[in-house]
Protein backbone atom coordinates (compact mmCIF):
# COMPACT_ATOMS: atom_id res chain seq x y z
CA MET A 1 20.55 22.14 42.67
CA LYS A 2 19.25 20.39 39.70
CA ALA A 3 15.77 20.23 41.17
CA ALA A 4 15.78 23.94 41.99
CA THR A 5 16.92 24.89 38.49
CA ARG A 6 14.27 22.66 37.00
CA ARG A 7 11.63 24.41 39.07
CA ARG A 8 12.88 27.81 37.94
CA ARG A 9 12.84 26.71 34.31
CA ARG A 10 9.30 25.39 34.69
CA ARG A 11 8.20 28.67 36.25
CA ARG A 12 9.81 30.62 33.41
CA ARG A 13 8.13 28.40 30.82
CA ARG A 14 4.77 28.85 32.52
CA LYS A 15 5.27 32.64 32.58
CA ARG A 16 6.19 32.62 28.89
CA LYS A 17 3.13 30.56 28.04
CA ARG A 18 0.90 32.92 30.03
CA LYS A 19 2.42 35.92 28.25
CA LYS A 20 1.85 34.26 24.87
CA LYS A 21 -1.76 33.54 25.77
CA ARG A 22 -2.24 37.14 26.86
CA ARG A 23 -0.72 38.36 23.60
CA ARG A 24 -2.97 36.05 21.62
CA LYS A 25 -6.01 37.31 23.50
CA ARG A 26 -5.00 40.89 22.85
CA THR A 27 -4.15 40.40 19.19
CA CYS A 28 -7.11 38.27 18.21
CA HIS A 29 -9.99 40.58 17.45
CA ARG A 30 -13.60 39.82 18.12
CA ARG A 31 -15.65 38.86 15.14
CA THR A 32 -18.04 41.64 14.18
CA GLN A 33 -21.62 40.97 13.20
CA SER A 34 -22.49 40.92 9.54
CA CYS A 35 -24.93 43.36 7.98
CA VAL A 36 -27.58 40.65 7.75
CA GLN A 37 -27.21 39.81 11.46
CA THR A 38 -27.41 43.49 12.39
CA PHE A 39 -30.59 44.17 10.40
CA THR A 40 -32.35 40.99 11.49
CA VAL A 41 -31.91 41.37 15.25
CA GLY A 42 -35.18 40.38 16.89
CA LEU A 43 -36.38 38.33 13.91
CA ASN A 44 -37.91 35.09 15.14
CA VAL A 45 -36.36 32.48 12.86
CA LEU A 46 -37.93 29.51 14.66
CA ASP A 47 -41.58 30.63 14.59
CA ARG A 48 -41.92 32.40 11.26
CA ASP A 49 -45.69 32.80 11.50
CA GLU A 50 -46.15 34.29 14.98
CA LYS A 51 -49.43 35.99 14.06
CA HIS A 52 -50.85 32.81 12.46
CA ILE A 53 -51.49 34.47 9.11
CA ASN A 54 -51.12 31.23 7.14
CA ASP A 55 -52.97 28.77 9.36
CA THR A 56 -55.33 27.94 6.49
CA ILE A 57 -52.49 26.44 4.44
CA ASN A 58 -50.67 24.81 7.34
CA LEU A 59 -51.72 21.34 6.19
CA ASN A 60 -50.07 17.99 6.79
CA PHE A 61 -50.45 14.67 5.01
CA GLU A 62 -53.23 13.59 7.39
CA ASP A 63 -55.16 16.81 6.69
CA ILE A 64 -55.30 16.10 2.96
CA LEU A 65 -55.23 12.35 2.42
CA ALA A 66 -57.11 9.85 4.57
CA GLU A 67 -58.36 6.31 4.09
CA PRO A 68 -61.59 5.24 5.76
CA ASP A 69 -61.47 2.42 8.30
CA VAL A 70 -63.26 -0.01 5.97
CA ALA A 71 -60.81 0.45 3.08
CA HIS A 72 -57.09 0.46 3.82
CA GLY A 73 -54.40 0.04 1.22
CA PHE A 74 -51.06 -1.67 1.76
CA ASP A 75 -49.06 -0.22 4.65
CA PRO A 76 -45.78 0.12 2.69
CA ILE A 77 -47.61 2.01 -0.08
CA TRP A 78 -49.25 4.32 2.48
CA ARG A 79 -45.91 4.99 4.17
CA SER A 80 -44.25 5.60 0.79
CA ALA A 81 -47.02 8.01 -0.18
CA PHE A 82 -46.48 9.87 3.09
CA ILE A 83 -42.72 10.15 2.51
CA LEU A 84 -43.21 11.19 -1.12
CA PHE A 85 -45.87 13.79 -0.25
CA THR A 86 -43.96 15.40 2.62
CA GLY A 87 -40.62 15.31 0.81
CA THR A 88 -42.03 16.78 -2.39
CA ARG A 89 -43.87 19.52 -0.54
CA PHE A 90 -40.76 20.34 1.50
CA TRP A 91 -38.25 20.46 -1.38
CA ILE A 92 -40.49 22.15 -3.96
CA TYR A 93 -41.27 24.88 -1.43
CA ARG A 94 -37.57 25.29 -0.65
CA LEU A 95 -36.64 25.38 -4.33
CA LEU A 96 -39.30 27.95 -5.19
CA SER A 97 -38.35 30.00 -2.13
CA ALA A 98 -34.70 29.95 -3.13
CA ILE A 99 -35.55 31.13 -6.64
CA LEU A 100 -38.43 33.55 -6.02
CA ALA A 101 -38.22 34.74 -2.40
CA LEU A 102 -35.76 37.58 -2.97
CA PRO A 103 -37.38 38.99 -6.14
CA LEU A 104 -40.84 38.77 -4.58
CA ALA A 105 -39.58 40.34 -1.36
CA LEU A 106 -38.31 43.23 -3.48
CA VAL A 107 -41.64 43.51 -5.34
CA TRP A 108 -43.70 43.43 -2.12
CA GLY A 109 -41.34 45.85 -0.41
CA ILE A 110 -41.74 48.32 -3.28
CA THR A 111 -45.52 47.78 -3.36
CA PHE A 112 -46.03 48.42 0.34
CA SER A 113 -43.64 51.35 0.35
CA LEU A 114 -45.69 52.93 -2.46
CA ILE A 115 -48.91 52.28 -0.55
CA THR A 116 -47.41 53.84 2.57
CA PHE A 117 -46.06 56.81 0.60
CA PHE A 118 -49.45 57.37 -1.06
CA SER A 119 -51.26 57.10 2.26
CA VAL A 120 -48.92 59.49 4.10
CA TRP A 121 -48.45 62.11 1.40
CA PHE A 122 -51.75 62.01 -0.55
CA ALA A 123 -54.69 60.17 1.00
CA THR A 124 -54.40 61.37 4.60
CA PRO A 125 -53.97 65.08 3.72
CA ILE A 126 -56.82 64.96 1.20
CA LEU A 127 -59.11 63.25 3.72
CA ARG A 128 -58.14 65.83 6.34
CA ILE A 129 -59.06 68.64 3.90
CA MET A 130 -62.36 66.88 3.21
CA ASP A 131 -63.02 66.64 6.98
CA VAL A 132 -62.52 70.38 7.39
CA PHE A 133 -64.56 71.24 4.29
CA LEU A 134 -67.41 68.89 5.19
CA PHE A 135 -67.46 70.18 8.77
CA TYR A 136 -68.50 73.61 7.51
CA ILE A 137 -71.00 72.15 5.04
CA ARG A 138 -72.52 70.12 7.89
CA ARG A 139 -72.87 73.22 10.07
CA VAL A 140 -74.68 75.07 7.26
CA TRP A 141 -76.87 72.04 6.47
CA VAL A 142 -77.88 71.51 10.12
CA ALA A 143 -78.76 75.21 10.43
CA LEU A 144 -80.88 75.08 7.25
CA VAL A 145 -82.72 71.94 8.35
CA GLN A 146 -83.36 73.33 11.84
CA THR A 147 -84.75 76.61 10.49
CA THR A 148 -86.83 75.27 7.59
CA LEU A 149 -87.76 71.60 7.74
CA GLU A 150 -87.89 71.04 11.48
CA PRO A 151 -90.68 73.59 12.14
CA VAL A 152 -92.71 72.16 9.24
CA ALA A 153 -92.24 68.60 10.53
CA ASN A 154 -93.22 69.66 14.05
CA ALA A 155 -96.37 71.38 12.72
CA VAL A 156 -97.42 68.35 10.66
CA GLY A 157 -96.69 66.10 13.62
CA GLY A 158 -98.80 68.34 15.85
CA CYS A 159 -101.73 68.12 13.40
CA PHE A 160 -101.70 64.35 13.46
CA SER A 161 -100.81 63.90 17.12
CA ASN A 162 -104.43 63.59 18.25
CA VAL A 163 -105.44 61.08 15.59
CA LYS A 164 -106.39 57.75 17.12
CA LEU A 165 -106.59 54.55 15.14
CA THR A 166 -108.57 51.50 16.09
CA HIS A 167 -107.98 48.13 14.65
CA ASN A 168 -110.94 45.95 13.72
CA ASN A 169 -110.31 42.23 13.43
CA GLN A 170 -113.66 41.39 11.81
CA VAL A 171 -113.56 40.08 8.30
CA GLN A 172 -116.15 41.65 5.98
CA THR A 173 -117.83 39.39 3.51
CA VAL A 174 -119.31 40.67 0.31
């Protein structure tokens, strides 16, 4: 009997544990995405220059400093210069980015939004009006040229169409 009661107790304990786990799963809510995660979906964080806009400034230590084969300094000094150069470049860029990236992002966002606004609401409509206006001016101009200048040019061309020129290579001496 003792073995059977132990089995029953174990089964009950297992059932209780399962129920508790189910309750925990039900009560724990899924973590929602933050606003930043929602707005930056699809942003490639690993390759931040996919279009290779800044390849001209993508320079490493070897691209800037190099010793010729005939004149090498001390290896520890060269290694230290490499570490100092790369570390300084890395941390100064990070520091300046931390301080200026957000204000400059705001400035550039405003600038390009103003350019877009101007283009959509001013430049494009004005250019479209100019296209329509100049279309009619072109029609009038072509008609005037075809009725006035073209016949004159054809007549002058007809007068000189039978003129033949010969080229003489002899040099005349005086």
